Amino acid sequence: MRVVALISGGKDSCYNMMKCVAAGHEVVALANIQPKGKDELDSFMYQTVGHEGISLYAEAMGLPLYRAYTLGKAVDKSMAYAPTEGDEVEDLYYLLKRVQYALFVLQDELKVEA
């Protein structure tokens, strides 16, 4: 399966990519949410420490990198999340929609399953 790796710059997201490849999946792109105007966020969703090195991951792996900014605000903290304008989860949703468009529409020969 061709997949997009969500990476934070930390060891866990790097390890997850290694496990994907070991399981026979192909990482075709990298995606990252980065803080806007600061180095670190107090976020419910995202680890942002180490985001400065993300471009080096993409360069070393020869993969496209898609990034988006977040203010790191959790508006909906309930167990049953619903789309909520201004919530940090929506930042990831819009980033993945952009990646999907770039990989499915602009590069029709490259299909991504996950």
C-alpha atoms as a PDB file:
ATOM      1  CA  MET A   1       0.000   0.000   0.000  1.00  0.00           C
ATOM      2  CA  ARG A   2       1.255   3.492  -0.805  1.00  0.00           C
ATOM      3  CA  VAL A   3       1.057   5.754   2.240  1.00  0.00           C
ATOM      4  CA  VAL A   4       1.730   9.296   3.364  1.00  0.00           C
ATOM      5  CA  ALA A   5       3.781   9.430   6.568  1.00  0.00           C
ATOM      6  CA  LEU A   6       2.698  11.959   9.170  1.00  0.00           C
ATOM      7  CA  ILE A   7       5.937  13.017  10.802  1.00  0.00           C
ATOM      8  CA  SER A   8       6.683  15.232  13.756  1.00  0.00           C
ATOM      9  CA  GLY A   9      10.468  15.164  13.745  1.00  0.00           C
ATOM     10  CA  GLY A  10      10.509  12.836  16.731  1.00  0.00           C
ATOM     11  CA  LYS A  11      11.709   9.263  16.986  1.00  0.00           C
ATOM     12  CA  ASP A  12       8.215   7.742  17.132  1.00  0.00           C
ATOM     13  CA  SER A  13       7.110   9.007  13.718  1.00  0.00           C
ATOM     14  CA  CYS A  14      10.435   7.892  12.236  1.00  0.00           C
ATOM     15  CA  TYR A  15       9.964   4.455  13.802  1.00  0.00           C
ATOM     16  CA  ASN A  16       6.427   4.269  12.395  1.00  0.00           C
ATOM     17  CA  MET A  17       7.799   4.865   8.895  1.00  0.00           C
ATOM     18  CA  MET A  18      10.306   2.061   9.405  1.00  0.00           C
ATOM     19  CA  LYS A  19       7.513  -0.279  10.528  1.00  0.00           C
ATOM     20  CA  CYS A  20       5.401   0.647   7.492  1.00  0.00           C
ATOM     21  CA  VAL A  21       8.253  -0.174   5.138  1.00  0.00           C
ATOM     22  CA  ALA A  22       9.007  -3.403   7.014  1.00  0.00           C
ATOM     23  CA  ALA A  23       5.346  -4.388   6.567  1.00  0.00           C
ATOM     24  CA  GLY A  24       5.678  -3.918   2.806  1.00  0.00           C
ATOM     25  CA  HIS A  25       4.139  -0.467   2.444  1.00  0.00           C
ATOM     26  CA  GLU A  26       5.649   2.283   0.298  1.00  0.00           C
ATOM     27  CA  VAL A  27       5.990   5.764   1.785  1.00  0.00           C
ATOM     28  CA  VAL A  28       5.329   8.149  -1.117  1.00  0.00           C
ATOM     29  CA  ALA A  29       5.248  11.497   0.701  1.00  0.00           C
ATOM     30  CA  LEU A  30       5.742  13.126   4.092  1.00  0.00           C
ATOM     31  CA  ALA A  31       3.307  15.459   5.853  1.00  0.00           C
ATOM     32  CA  ASN A  32       3.886  17.675   8.860  1.00  0.00           C
ATOM     33  CA  ILE A  33       2.000  20.175  10.974  1.00  0.00           C
ATOM     34  CA  GLN A  34       4.269  22.952  12.261  1.00  0.00           C
ATOM     35  CA  PRO A  35       3.681  25.733  14.772  1.00  0.00           C
ATOM     36  CA  LYS A  36       3.052  29.223  13.496  1.00  0.00           C
ATOM     37  CA  GLY A  37       5.278  31.912  14.963  1.00  0.00           C
ATOM     38  CA  LYS A  38       6.988  29.783  17.640  1.00  0.00           C
ATOM     39  CA  ASP A  39       9.107  26.656  18.039  1.00  0.00           C
ATOM     40  CA  GLU A  40       6.863  24.617  20.318  1.00  0.00           C
ATOM     41  CA  LEU A  41       3.146  24.296  21.032  1.00  0.00           C
ATOM     42  CA  ASP A  42       1.143  23.092  23.991  1.00  0.00           C
ATOM     43  CA  SER A  43      -1.067  21.023  21.703  1.00  0.00           C
ATOM     44  CA  PHE A  44      -3.561  18.216  22.263  1.00  0.00           C
ATOM     45  CA  MET A  45      -2.744  16.745  18.846  1.00  0.00           C
ATOM     46  CA  TYR A  46       0.754  17.553  17.709  1.00  0.00           C
ATOM     47  CA  GLN A  47       4.323  17.222  18.858  1.00  0.00           C
ATOM     48  CA  THR A  48       6.164  20.161  17.368  1.00  0.00           C
ATOM     49  CA  VAL A  49       9.568  19.871  19.043  1.00  0.00           C
ATOM     50  CA  GLY A  50      12.013  18.943  16.290  1.00  0.00           C
ATOM     51  CA  HIS A  51       9.948  20.334  13.426  1.00  0.00           C
ATOM     52  CA  GLU A  52      12.979  22.278  12.182  1.00  0.00           C
ATOM     53  CA  GLY A  53      14.601  19.058  10.917  1.00  0.00           C
ATOM     54  CA  ILE A  54      11.631  17.773   8.926  1.00  0.00           C
ATOM     55  CA  SER A  55      12.948  19.054   5.590  1.00  0.00           C
ATOM     56  CA  LEU A  56      16.078  16.944   6.146  1.00  0.00           C
ATOM     57  CA  TYR A  57      13.916  13.798   6.383  1.00  0.00           C
ATOM     58  CA  ALA A  58      12.362  14.579   3.001  1.00  0.00           C
ATOM     59  CA  GLU A  59      15.712  15.413   1.430  1.00  0.00           C
ATOM     60  CA  ALA A  60      17.363  12.230   2.736  1.00  0.00           C
ATOM     61  CA  MET A  61      14.433  10.064   1.614  1.00  0.00           C
ATOM     62  CA  GLY A  62      13.936  11.783  -1.728  1.00  0.00           C
ATOM     63  CA  LEU A  63      10.226  12.326  -0.975  1.00  0.00           C
ATOM     64  CA  PRO A  64       7.924  15.297  -1.355  1.00  0.00           C
ATOM     65  CA  LEU A  65       7.136  17.134   1.877  1.00  0.00           C
ATOM     66  CA  TYR A  66       3.801  18.790   2.543  1.00  0.00           C
ATOM     67  CA  ARG A  67       3.529  21.133   5.520  1.00  0.00           C
ATOM     68  CA  ALA A  68       0.865  23.260   7.130  1.00  0.00           C
ATOM     69  CA  TYR A  69       0.763  25.651  10.054  1.00  0.00           C
ATOM     70  CA  THR A  70      -1.301  25.285  13.191  1.00  0.00           C
ATOM     71  CA  LEU A  71      -1.993  27.583  16.095  1.00  0.00           C
ATOM     72  CA  GLY A  72      -2.424  24.472  18.255  1.00  0.00           C
ATOM     73  CA  LYS A  73      -5.863  25.287  19.602  1.00  0.00           C
ATOM     74  CA  ALA A  74      -8.121  22.404  20.613  1.00  0.00           C
ATOM     75  CA  VAL A  75     -11.637  23.793  20.328  1.00  0.00           C
ATOM     76  CA  ASP A  76     -13.526  20.471  20.514  1.00  0.00           C
ATOM     77  CA  LYS A  77     -12.093  18.292  23.293  1.00  0.00           C
ATOM     78  CA  SER A  78     -14.979  15.837  23.440  1.00  0.00           C
ATOM     79  CA  MET A  79     -14.660  12.082  22.909  1.00  0.00           C
ATOM     80  CA  ALA A  80     -16.893  12.292  19.813  1.00  0.00           C
ATOM     81  CA  TYR A  81     -15.109  14.859  17.654  1.00  0.00           C
ATOM     82  CA  ALA A  82     -17.099  16.744  15.055  1.00  0.00           C
ATOM     83  CA  PRO A  83     -15.588  19.085  12.475  1.00  0.00           C
ATOM     84  CA  THR A  84     -15.051  22.395  14.254  1.00  0.00           C
ATOM     85  CA  GLU A  85     -13.779  25.565  12.614  1.00  0.00           C
ATOM     86  CA  GLY A  86     -10.564  26.783  14.220  1.00  0.00           C
ATOM     87  CA  ASP A  87      -9.755  23.418  15.831  1.00  0.00           C
ATOM     88  CA  GLU A  88      -6.227  22.072  15.350  1.00  0.00           C
ATOM     89  CA  VAL A  89      -7.634  18.799  13.973  1.00  0.00           C
ATOM     90  CA  GLU A  90      -8.968  20.761  11.010  1.00  0.00           C
ATOM     91  CA  ASP A  91      -5.410  21.882  10.211  1.00  0.00           C
ATOM     92  CA  LEU A  92      -4.447  18.233   9.663  1.00  0.00           C
ATOM     93  CA  TYR A  93      -7.618  17.558   7.660  1.00  0.00           C
ATOM     94  CA  TYR A  94      -6.871  20.407   5.241  1.00  0.00           C
ATOM     95  CA  LEU A  95      -3.223  19.388   4.951  1.00  0.00           C
ATOM     96  CA  LEU A  96      -4.204  15.833   4.018  1.00  0.00           C
ATOM     97  CA  LYS A  97      -6.771  17.111   1.511  1.00  0.00           C
ATOM     98  CA  ARG A  98      -3.981  19.135  -0.120  1.00  0.00           C
ATOM     99  CA  VAL A  99      -1.681  16.080  -0.182  1.00  0.00           C
ATOM    100  CA  GLN A 100      -4.479  13.960  -1.622  1.00  0.00           C
ATOM    101  CA  TYR A 101      -5.077  16.517  -4.367  1.00  0.00           C
ATOM    102  CA  ALA A 102      -1.382  16.750  -5.213  1.00  0.00           C
ATOM    103  CA  LEU A 103      -0.877  12.993  -5.338  1.00  0.00           C
ATOM    104  CA  PHE A 104      -4.198  11.884  -6.849  1.00  0.00           C
ATOM    105  CA  VAL A 105      -5.084  14.709  -9.195  1.00  0.00           C
ATOM    106  CA  LEU A 106      -1.792  16.309 -10.166  1.00  0.00           C
ATOM    107  CA  GLN A 107       0.135  13.022 -10.342  1.00  0.00           C
ATOM    108  CA  ASP A 108      -2.583  10.663 -11.547  1.00  0.00           C
ATOM    109  CA  GLU A 109      -0.135   7.791 -11.984  1.00  0.00           C
ATOM    110  CA  LEU A 110       0.701   7.857  -8.260  1.00  0.00           C
ATOM    111  CA  LYS A 111      -2.152   6.447  -6.203  1.00  0.00           C
ATOM    112  CA  VAL A 112      -2.143   6.633  -2.421  1.00  0.00           C
ATOM    113  CA  GLU A 113      -4.257   4.198  -0.437  1.00  0.00           C
ATOM    114  CA  ALA A 114      -3.638   5.566   3.090  1.00  0.00           C
END
